[in-house]
Protein backbone atom coordinates (compact mmCIF):
# COMPACT_ATOMS: atom_id res chain seq x y z
CA GLN A 1 113.30 131.24 134.20
CA GLY A 2 116.93 132.06 135.65
CA CYS A 3 118.08 128.41 135.51
CA VAL A 4 119.48 126.08 133.15
CA ASP A 5 117.37 122.74 133.23
CA HIS A 6 119.59 120.51 131.25
CA PRO A 7 122.99 118.84 131.69
CA ILE A 8 126.17 120.78 130.91
CA VAL A 9 129.31 119.28 129.41
CA LEU A 10 132.24 121.69 129.94
CA THR A 11 135.83 121.61 128.88
CA GLU A 12 138.76 122.45 131.24
CA ALA A 13 142.55 122.70 130.91
CA VAL A 14 144.70 119.78 131.46
CA CYS A 15 145.44 119.12 135.10
CA ASN A 16 143.20 122.01 136.07
CA PRO A 17 143.42 123.36 139.64
CA LEU A 18 140.74 122.19 142.00
CA TYR A 19 139.95 125.73 143.14
CA SER A 20 139.07 126.71 139.40
CA ARG A 21 136.73 123.63 139.21
CA GLN A 22 135.12 124.35 142.37
CA MET A 23 134.41 127.91 141.36
CA MET A 24 132.77 126.67 138.28
CA SER A 25 130.81 124.04 139.95
CA GLU A 26 129.57 126.70 142.49
CA LEU A 27 128.40 128.93 139.73
CA LEU A 28 126.63 126.20 137.66
CA PHE A 29 124.78 124.54 140.76
CA GLU A 30 124.09 127.55 142.85
CA CYS A 31 123.37 130.25 140.28
CA TYR A 32 122.01 128.32 137.33
CA GLN A 33 120.56 125.30 139.05
CA VAL A 34 122.15 122.82 136.38
CA PRO A 35 120.93 119.20 137.02
CA LYS A 36 124.28 117.57 136.49
CA VAL A 37 127.66 118.49 134.84
CA SER A 38 130.66 116.98 133.39
CA TYR A 39 134.14 118.12 132.97
CA GLY A 40 136.53 116.96 130.19
CA VAL A 41 139.72 118.11 128.31
CA ASP A 42 139.15 119.52 124.87
CA SER A 43 141.82 117.68 123.21
CA LEU A 44 140.84 114.34 124.58
CA TYR A 45 137.16 114.94 123.45
CA SER A 46 138.79 115.42 119.73
CA PHE A 47 140.79 112.21 120.39
CA TYR A 48 137.59 110.40 121.38
CA HIS A 49 135.67 111.72 118.47
CA ASN A 50 138.43 110.49 115.98
CA ARG A 51 139.22 107.27 117.79
CA ARG A 52 135.66 106.11 116.82
CA GLN A 53 137.04 105.20 113.35
CA ASN A 54 138.53 101.99 114.93
CA TRP A 55 141.73 103.74 116.22
CA PRO A 56 143.55 102.16 119.13
CA CYS A 57 142.47 103.38 122.64
CA SER A 58 146.20 104.28 123.49
CA GLY A 59 148.12 107.07 121.87
CA LEU A 60 150.15 110.20 122.15
CA VAL A 61 147.97 113.45 121.81
CA ILE A 62 149.77 116.62 120.61
CA SER A 63 147.49 119.47 121.18
CA SER A 64 148.56 122.89 120.04
CA GLY A 65 146.23 125.82 120.66
CA TYR A 66 146.34 129.49 120.93
CA GLN A 67 148.17 129.96 123.88
CA CYS A 68 150.08 126.62 124.67
CA THR A 69 151.03 123.22 123.45
CA HIS A 70 150.44 119.90 125.26
CA ILE A 71 151.78 116.53 124.91
CA LEU A 72 149.27 114.03 126.54
CA PRO A 73 149.82 110.29 126.79
CA VAL A 74 146.66 108.22 126.65
CA LEU A 75 147.00 104.51 127.86
CA GLU A 76 143.93 102.08 127.35
CA GLY A 77 141.54 105.16 126.96
CA ARG A 78 142.61 106.94 130.05
CA LEU A 79 144.83 110.12 130.55
CA ASP A 80 148.30 109.54 132.04
CA ALA A 81 148.36 112.83 133.92
CA LYS A 82 151.70 112.06 135.60
CA ASN A 83 153.53 112.27 132.32
CA CYS A 84 151.77 115.15 130.83
CA LYS A 85 153.83 118.23 129.63
CA ARG A 86 153.08 121.56 128.55
CA ILE A 87 155.02 124.04 126.22
CA ASN A 88 153.86 127.71 126.64
CA LEU A 89 153.96 128.44 122.94
CA GLY A 90 151.05 128.42 120.40
CA GLY A 91 149.45 130.47 117.76
CA CYS A 92 149.42 133.69 119.61
CA GLN A 93 153.24 133.69 119.95
CA ALA A 94 153.73 132.81 116.35
CA ALA A 95 151.60 135.81 115.41
CA VAL A 96 153.37 138.18 117.63
CA TYR A 97 156.88 136.98 116.35
CA LEU A 98 155.61 137.35 112.71
CA GLN A 99 154.29 140.90 113.54
CA ARG A 100 157.65 141.69 114.96
CA LEU A 101 159.56 140.45 111.84
CA LEU A 102 157.42 142.30 109.49
CA GLN A 103 157.56 145.65 111.56
CA LEU A 104 161.37 145.52 111.35
CA LYS A 105 161.21 144.86 107.75
CA TYR A 106 158.70 147.39 106.83
CA PRO A 107 159.05 150.23 109.43
CA GLY A 108 156.95 152.54 107.17
CA HIS A 109 153.95 150.31 107.72
CA PHE A 110 154.38 149.99 111.34
CA ALA A 111 150.76 150.79 112.26
CA ALA A 112 149.19 148.77 109.49
CA ILE A 113 150.83 145.54 110.54
CA THR A 114 148.45 144.58 113.16
CA LEU A 115 148.06 141.39 115.01
CA SER A 116 144.96 140.44 113.35
CA ARG A 117 146.62 140.69 109.77
CA MET A 118 149.46 138.56 111.12
CA GLU A 119 146.96 135.80 112.18
CA GLU A 120 145.45 135.96 108.82
CA ILE A 121 148.94 135.62 107.14
CA LEU A 122 149.71 132.62 109.42
CA HIS A 123 146.39 130.86 108.38
CA GLU A 124 146.64 131.45 104.64
CA HIS A 125 150.62 131.76 103.86
CA SER A 126 152.67 129.93 106.46
CA TYR A 127 153.80 126.33 106.45
CA ILE A 128 156.01 123.98 108.41
CA ALA A 129 159.22 123.16 107.02
CA GLU A 130 160.08 119.46 107.02
CA ASP A 131 163.79 120.43 107.31
CA TYR A 132 164.21 123.97 108.54
CA ILE A 133 167.84 124.56 107.71
CA GLU A 134 167.60 122.98 104.33
CA GLU A 135 164.49 125.02 103.60
CA LEU A 136 166.43 128.13 104.47
CA GLN A 137 169.21 127.16 102.07
CA LYS A 138 166.57 126.87 99.33
CA TRP A 139 165.26 130.30 99.98
CA ARG A 140 168.59 131.85 99.26
CA SER A 141 168.11 130.95 95.52
CA PRO A 142 166.49 134.07 93.75
CA GLU A 143 164.58 131.81 91.56
CA TYR A 144 163.04 129.84 94.50
CA TYR A 145 162.23 133.26 96.15
CA GLU A 146 160.64 134.50 93.10
CA ASN A 147 158.51 131.37 92.72
CA ASN A 148 157.57 130.98 96.49
CA MET A 149 157.43 134.54 97.65
CA HIS A 150 153.78 135.68 98.50
CA LYS A 151 152.71 139.19 98.26
CA MET A 152 150.16 140.85 100.51
CA GLN A 153 148.41 144.12 99.67
CA LEU A 154 147.72 146.50 102.66
CA PRO A 155 144.91 149.02 102.34
CA PHE A 156 145.73 152.46 101.17
CA SER A 157 143.93 155.47 99.81
CA ASN A 158 143.58 156.07 96.05
CA LYS A 159 143.36 159.75 96.64
CA LEU A 160 146.97 160.17 97.33
CA LEU A 161 147.95 158.69 94.03
CA GLY A 162 147.70 162.12 92.32
CA SER A 163 145.07 164.93 91.67
CA THR A 164 142.37 164.52 89.10
CA LEU A 165 141.50 168.15 88.94
CA THR A 166 141.48 170.01 85.66
CA SER A 167 143.70 173.09 84.93
CA GLU A 168 140.75 175.47 85.46
CA GLU A 169 139.94 173.81 88.79
CA LYS A 170 143.55 174.14 90.05
CA GLN A 171 143.65 177.78 88.96
CA GLU A 172 140.52 178.44 90.90
CA ARG A 173 141.65 176.71 93.84
CA ARG A 174 144.89 178.74 93.69
CA GLN A 175 143.05 181.92 93.46
CA GLN A 176 140.92 180.99 96.48
CA GLN A 177 144.27 180.38 98.51
CA LEU A 178 145.48 183.71 97.37
CA ARG A 179 142.59 185.74 98.54
CA ARG A 180 142.47 183.78 101.81
CA LEU A 181 146.21 184.56 102.43
CA GLN A 182 145.57 188.11 101.18
CA GLU A 183 142.73 188.56 103.99
CA LEU A 184 145.00 186.85 106.67
CA ASN A 185 147.84 189.31 105.89
CA ALA A 186 145.56 192.30 106.13
CA ARG A 187 144.20 191.32 109.29
CA ARG A 188 147.59 190.63 110.82
CA ARG A 189 148.76 194.12 109.79
CA GLU A 190 145.78 195.72 111.27
CA GLU A 191 146.44 193.77 114.57
CA LYS A 192 150.15 194.79 114.42
CA LEU A 193 149.16 198.44 113.69
CA GLN A 194 146.74 198.54 116.66
CA LEU A 195 149.40 197.06 119.08
CA ASP A 196 152.03 199.13 117.84
CA GLN A 197 149.91 202.57 118.31
CA GLU A 198 149.11 201.54 121.77
CA ARG A 199 152.54 200.98 122.67
CA LEU A 200 153.60 204.41 121.10
CA ASP A 201 150.91 206.15 122.89
CA ARG A 202 152.13 204.68 126.09
CA LEU A 203 155.62 205.94 125.46
CA LEU A 204 154.51 209.40 124.32
CA TYR A 205 152.62 209.66 127.73
CA VAL A 206 155.78 208.95 129.66
CA GLN A 207 157.73 211.46 127.55
CA GLU A 208 155.11 214.23 128.49
CA LEU A 209 155.73 213.36 132.14
CA LEU A 210 159.33 214.43 131.64
CA GLU A 211 158.53 217.56 129.82
CA ASP A 212 156.12 218.63 132.46
CA GLY A 213 158.92 218.07 135.16
CA GLN A 214 156.95 215.21 137.03
CA MET A 215 160.33 213.39 137.61
CA ASP A 216 158.89 210.91 140.19
CA GLN A 217 156.14 209.63 138.05
CA PHE A 218 158.68 209.68 135.23
CA HIS A 219 161.21 207.30 136.86
CA LYS A 220 158.40 205.01 138.09
CA ALA A 221 157.09 204.73 134.44
CA LEU A 222 160.61 204.07 133.07
CA VAL A 223 161.13 201.24 135.64
CA GLU A 224 157.63 199.70 134.57
CA LEU A 225 158.93 199.86 130.86
CA ASN A 226 162.36 198.31 132.08
CA MET A 227 164.23 201.30 130.50
CA ASP A 228 167.10 203.15 132.08
CA SER A 229 167.30 206.61 130.65
CA ALA A 230 165.29 209.12 128.67
CA GLU A 231 167.54 208.67 125.54
CA GLU A 232 166.56 204.96 125.50
CA LEU A 233 162.90 206.09 125.67
CA GLN A 234 163.49 208.30 122.79
CA SER A 235 164.92 205.67 120.87
CA TYR A 236 162.06 203.42 121.32
CA ILE A 237 159.47 205.97 120.39
CA ASN A 238 161.54 206.58 117.04
CA LYS A 239 161.74 202.90 116.21
CA LEU A 240 157.92 202.56 117.18
CA SER A 241 157.11 205.68 115.14
CA LEU A 242 158.93 204.33 112.00
CA SER A 243 157.16 200.88 112.42
CA VAL A 244 153.76 202.36 112.45
CA GLU A 245 154.37 204.31 109.42
CA GLN A 246 155.72 201.30 107.55
CA THR A 247 152.54 199.33 108.58
CA LYS A 248 150.21 202.00 107.34
CA GLN A 249 152.09 202.12 103.80
CA LYS A 250 151.66 198.39 103.49
CA ILE A 251 147.98 198.53 104.36
CA LEU A 252 147.50 201.12 101.74
CA GLN A 253 149.62 199.38 99.20
CA ALA A 254 147.56 196.08 99.80
CA GLU A 255 144.42 197.83 99.09
CA VAL A 256 145.86 199.20 95.77
CA ASN A 257 147.63 195.82 94.66
CA ILE A 258 145.69 192.78 93.71
CA GLU A 259 148.41 190.14 94.10
CA VAL A 260 149.99 189.47 97.50
CA ASP A 261 153.49 190.01 98.27
CA VAL A 262 155.32 186.83 99.21
CA VAL A 263 157.41 188.52 101.75
CA ASP A 264 154.49 189.63 103.69
CA SER A 265 152.94 186.23 103.94
CA LYS A 266 154.97 185.28 106.86
CA PRO A 267 153.68 186.44 110.36
CA GLU A 268 155.21 189.68 111.66
CA THR A 269 155.73 190.12 115.44
CA PRO A 270 156.48 193.39 117.06
CA ASP A 271 159.94 193.86 118.27
CA LEU A 272 158.72 195.63 121.51
CA ASP A 273 155.83 193.34 122.66
CA PRO A 274 157.24 190.85 124.89
CA LEU A 275 153.98 188.76 125.13
CA GLY A 276 153.44 188.81 121.37
CA SER A 277 150.11 189.48 119.69
CA GLU A 278 147.10 187.45 120.39
CA GLN A 279 146.83 185.09 117.14
CA SER A 280 144.72 181.98 116.23
CA LEU A 281 146.47 178.62 115.88
CA GLU A 282 144.48 178.03 112.84
CA ASP A 283 145.72 181.03 110.92
CA VAL A 284 149.33 179.98 111.69
CA GLU A 285 148.73 176.49 110.38
CA SER A 286 147.00 177.87 107.52
CA ILE A 287 149.96 180.05 106.58
CA ASN A 288 152.40 177.09 106.96
CA GLU A 289 150.12 175.08 104.62
CA PHE A 290 149.97 177.71 101.83
CA GLU A 291 153.39 179.11 102.06
CA PRO A 292 155.09 176.51 99.75
CA LEU A 293 152.43 177.34 97.00
CA PHE A 294 153.82 180.84 96.75
CA ALA A 295 157.42 180.17 97.27
CA GLU A 296 157.63 178.36 93.86
CA GLU A 297 157.29 180.16 90.46
CA GLN A 298 154.07 180.09 88.58
CA PRO A 299 154.17 178.38 85.25
CA GLU A 300 152.88 180.40 82.24
CA VAL A 301 151.14 177.67 80.56
CA GLU A 302 149.49 174.77 82.57
CA LYS A 303 150.50 171.47 81.31
CA PRO A 304 147.62 168.83 80.58
CA VAL A 305 147.13 166.32 83.37
CA THR A 306 146.90 163.26 81.15
CA ALA A 307 150.46 163.69 80.02
CA VAL A 308 151.79 163.66 83.56
CA GLN A 309 152.17 160.04 84.76
CA PRO A 310 153.10 159.50 88.56
CA VAL A 311 156.43 157.88 88.97
CA PHE A 312 155.74 156.56 92.36
CA ASN A 313 153.41 153.47 92.52
CA LEU A 314 151.66 153.85 95.99
CA ALA A 315 150.12 150.43 95.56
CA GLU A 316 153.25 148.62 95.32
CA TYR A 317 154.64 150.63 98.19
CA HIS A 318 151.91 149.15 100.48
CA GLN A 319 152.84 145.40 99.51
CA LEU A 320 154.30 142.98 101.96
CA PHE A 321 156.63 140.38 100.57
CA LEU A 322 156.38 137.30 102.55
CA GLY A 323 159.62 135.09 102.13
CA THR A 324 161.25 133.08 104.79
CA GLU A 325 158.74 134.67 107.30
CA ARG A 326 156.35 132.07 106.01
CA ILE A 327 158.36 129.17 107.81
CA ARG A 328 160.20 131.27 110.73
CA ALA A 329 156.88 132.07 112.64
CA PRO A 330 155.30 128.74 112.90
CA GLU A 331 158.90 126.97 113.52
CA ILE A 332 158.86 128.49 117.09
CA VAL A 333 156.78 125.55 118.34
CA PHE A 334 159.63 123.15 117.27
CA GLN A 335 162.51 125.76 118.15
CA PRO A 336 161.30 128.11 120.81
CA SER A 337 164.96 129.62 121.11
CA LEU A 338 163.96 131.58 118.01
CA ILE A 339 162.23 134.03 120.22
CA GLY A 340 164.38 133.67 123.10
CA GLU A 341 162.34 130.93 125.11
CA ASP A 342 164.34 128.62 127.24
CA GLN A 343 161.81 125.85 126.63
CA ALA A 344 161.93 122.59 124.70
CA GLY A 345 160.15 122.21 121.32
CA ILE A 346 157.58 119.71 120.53
CA ALA A 347 160.18 117.01 119.26
CA GLU A 348 162.16 117.25 122.52
CA THR A 349 159.19 117.18 124.59
CA MET A 350 157.72 114.30 122.81
CA GLN A 351 160.95 112.36 123.34
CA TYR A 352 161.09 113.10 126.92
CA VAL A 353 157.57 111.87 127.44
CA LEU A 354 158.25 108.75 125.60
CA GLU A 355 161.54 108.01 127.47
CA ARG A 356 159.44 107.90 130.63
CA TYR A 357 157.77 104.67 129.69
CA PRO A 358 159.20 101.22 129.01
CA LYS A 359 159.87 100.23 125.49
CA GLU A 360 156.61 98.07 125.04
CA GLN A 361 154.45 101.03 126.06
CA GLN A 362 156.52 103.32 123.86
CA ALA A 363 155.88 101.12 120.93
CA ILE A 364 151.99 101.32 121.87
CA LEU A 365 151.85 105.14 122.06
CA VAL A 366 153.81 106.01 118.75
CA GLN A 367 151.19 103.81 116.91
CA ASN A 368 148.85 106.61 117.34
CA VAL A 369 150.30 110.08 117.55
CA PHE A 370 147.25 112.22 117.26
CA LEU A 371 147.51 115.90 116.20
CA THR A 372 144.91 118.40 117.17
CA GLY A 373 144.28 122.12 117.84
CA GLY A 374 144.02 125.00 115.63
CA ASN A 375 147.98 125.49 115.61
CA THR A 376 148.35 122.04 113.94
CA MET A 377 146.71 123.15 110.70
CA TYR A 378 149.96 124.26 109.10
CA PRO A 379 150.80 122.39 105.90
CA GLY A 380 153.67 120.14 106.39
CA LEU A 381 153.19 119.67 110.20
CA LYS A 382 152.32 115.89 109.88
CA ALA A 383 155.47 115.37 107.75
CA ARG A 384 157.57 117.32 110.18
CA VAL A 385 156.37 115.22 113.14
CA GLN A 386 156.88 111.88 111.10
CA LYS A 387 160.52 112.89 110.42
CA GLU A 388 161.24 113.88 114.02
CA LEU A 389 159.72 110.35 115.17
CA LEU A 390 161.93 108.71 112.51
CA GLU A 391 165.08 110.22 113.98
CA MET A 392 164.10 109.37 117.60
CA ARG A 393 162.66 105.99 117.26
CA PRO A 394 164.84 102.84 116.96
CA PHE A 395 165.88 101.49 113.45
CA GLN A 396 163.10 99.68 111.44
CA SER A 397 160.35 100.34 114.11
CA SER A 398 156.91 101.44 113.03
CA PHE A 399 154.57 104.43 114.08
CA GLN A 400 151.60 106.09 112.77
CA VAL A 401 150.86 109.87 112.84
CA HIS A 402 147.17 111.13 112.48
CA LEU A 403 145.75 114.63 112.10
CA ALA A 404 142.27 115.36 113.31
CA SER A 405 139.62 115.58 110.74
CA SER A 406 138.86 119.04 111.79
CA PRO A 407 141.28 120.32 114.46
CA VAL A 408 139.45 123.24 115.41
CA LEU A 409 136.00 121.97 115.86
CA ASP A 410 136.80 118.04 116.71
CA ALA A 411 136.77 119.09 120.46
CA TRP A 412 133.30 120.17 120.31
CA TYR A 413 132.09 117.22 118.09
CA GLY A 414 133.87 114.96 120.66
CA ALA A 415 132.01 116.45 123.52
CA ARG A 416 128.74 116.15 121.71
CA ASP A 417 129.38 112.44 120.90
CA TRP A 418 130.27 111.80 124.68
CA ALA A 419 127.29 113.58 125.92
CA VAL A 420 124.93 111.58 123.50
CA GLU A 421 126.52 108.29 124.45
CA TYR A 422 126.60 108.82 128.30
CA MET A 423 123.54 110.86 128.63
CA THR A 424 121.66 107.93 130.47
CA ARG A 425 124.81 106.58 132.48
CA GLU A 426 126.05 107.79 135.54
CA GLU A 427 129.68 107.60 134.56
CA GLY A 428 131.30 111.10 134.21
CA TRP A 429 128.24 113.13 135.53
CA ILE A 430 128.42 115.25 138.88
CA THR A 431 125.02 115.62 140.20
CA ARG A 432 123.78 118.17 142.70
CA LYS A 433 123.80 115.54 145.28
CA ASP A 434 127.49 114.83 144.60
CA TYR A 435 128.36 118.60 144.74
CA GLU A 436 126.56 119.01 148.15
CA GLU A 437 128.25 115.86 149.45
CA LYS A 438 131.79 116.02 148.00
CA GLY A 439 132.45 119.69 147.40
CA GLY A 440 132.76 121.73 144.22
CA GLU A 441 136.31 120.40 143.23
CA TYR A 442 134.79 116.77 143.05
CA LEU A 443 135.33 115.19 139.67
CA LYS A 444 133.84 112.05 138.12
CA GLU A 445 136.36 110.58 135.66
CA HIS A 446 135.69 109.42 132.29
CA CYS A 447 137.62 108.52 129.00
CA ALA A 448 138.02 112.34 128.14
CA SER A 449 138.50 113.73 131.72
CA ASN A 450 141.33 114.78 134.02
CA VAL A 451 142.54 112.51 136.85
CA TYR A 452 140.78 113.60 139.97
CA VAL A 453 143.07 113.96 142.83
CA PRO A 454 141.07 114.79 146.22
CA ILE A 455 142.32 117.57 148.53
CA ARG A 456 144.37 116.36 151.30
CA LEU A 457 143.41 118.28 154.45
CA PRO A 458 146.36 119.06 156.59
CA LYS A 459 146.55 117.39 160.14
CA GLN A 460 145.11 119.51 163.02
CA ALA A 461 147.57 121.30 165.04
CA PRO A 462 148.52 119.89 168.60
CA ARG A 463 146.73 121.24 171.47
CA THR A 464 148.66 123.77 173.78
CA THR A 465 150.33 122.60 177.08
CA GLU A 466 147.60 124.28 179.02
CA ALA A 467 144.77 122.56 177.36
CA LEU A 468 146.55 119.11 177.90
CA ALA A 469 147.49 119.66 181.58
CA PRO A 470 144.11 118.62 183.16
CA SER A 471 144.02 115.66 180.73
CA ARG A 472 147.29 114.41 181.87
CA VAL A 473 146.42 114.72 185.56
CA LEU A 474 143.26 112.77 184.86
CA THR A 475 144.84 109.81 182.85
CA SER A 476 147.73 109.49 185.53
CA SER A 477 145.10 108.85 188.23
CA THR A 478 143.71 105.85 186.32
CA GLY A 479 147.00 103.95 186.20
CA ASN A 480 145.93 101.97 183.18
CA PRO A 481 148.67 102.36 180.47
CA CYS A 482 146.23 101.44 177.66
CA GLU A 483 143.97 104.21 178.44
CA GLN A 484 146.62 106.51 178.66
CA ALA A 485 147.91 105.76 175.19
């Protein structure tokens, strides 16, 4: 029908610009004729879904996704937008960092170490160290390295492991290569003979001009041939004649002999042809391909294939050994300086946000530190956040750290729960009437939404002196100071 006849719940970024919301509302209401729409923040929807299990309404939400990480304080069930902070690091930067580490470690597999494989390694092999420096010290031990190192097998072709052909098949293939090279050499000799013969005929014609006494045409022909004298012409004629005779003898010898001479397998180019003979690139490549086969001596007795074992194991060559890379890649969200970013990590940002509140509200926020987002699924992340909180909080103070039941899908589950609960209410829904009356940037706040800050229109510019001149004359005639004001 070209329209959507049911309400829409849409997620948006934290502190989303009004222009972005305006464009989306215009698309939904004008193009799809949506009856009503509600905007919310994905991490707050996740917090809403999990707090239904009798969690407190206040807390500190740490949402780490693919592109960025947010620290969101929630007080009495509402987002405190003024103290939200963002770190421009997430799962994407960790995957790129891991890709760069492994490409430097294995330059031979540069093309095989793709970004998708690095994301797979992050999800399956990486973890967050509770104490990064102490964990690196453990990895220095060979025993710890052997016990905790993971191997990843890259794809490779079994055809490169060795030939499975029998001795008869190898001999037949070699004979085919010999015949092909023999035909190629014969064709090249014939082309060379034809070019040399044409050049020799041209030189003999110029020599006949000298014998007939046609000196003007003779000197003009010498200039065209880039020669200076008749002696040089005679020298070239002798060289070409000798070359033509040698080529004819090689052709006759090749017809008699079955085996191909190794010396003739290389391409021969005439000395006097500045442009070179017209040859196909395929023939030159085939010569370069088969030349090593005839440079080595032929064994008299073919060795059995079963007795030859390959010394080089190609499968092991295509293995990636994951050591300290397992903890170095996800560590960037706590130490952005590892990849050269001048930003604060999660612990420093969390402490900065908490210090913007009085001690009473700090104690309320740390009672529910909530972790959500796909980048929080690393093993050990919860323990690392607890350790960081233990270091920054006062002595003998309490705090609680919770991990979302499903960090990736809880945002969708939370939006579904909110939509079901508020379907019959007006709270949080923007109707078509609201859109037409208050504009596309309008937002109705709810427990999982952003804070709405209306647009402040600039004051109108003062009128010009010419436009104000008649009014001044008019007001001066009245003589009433109140009316003039």
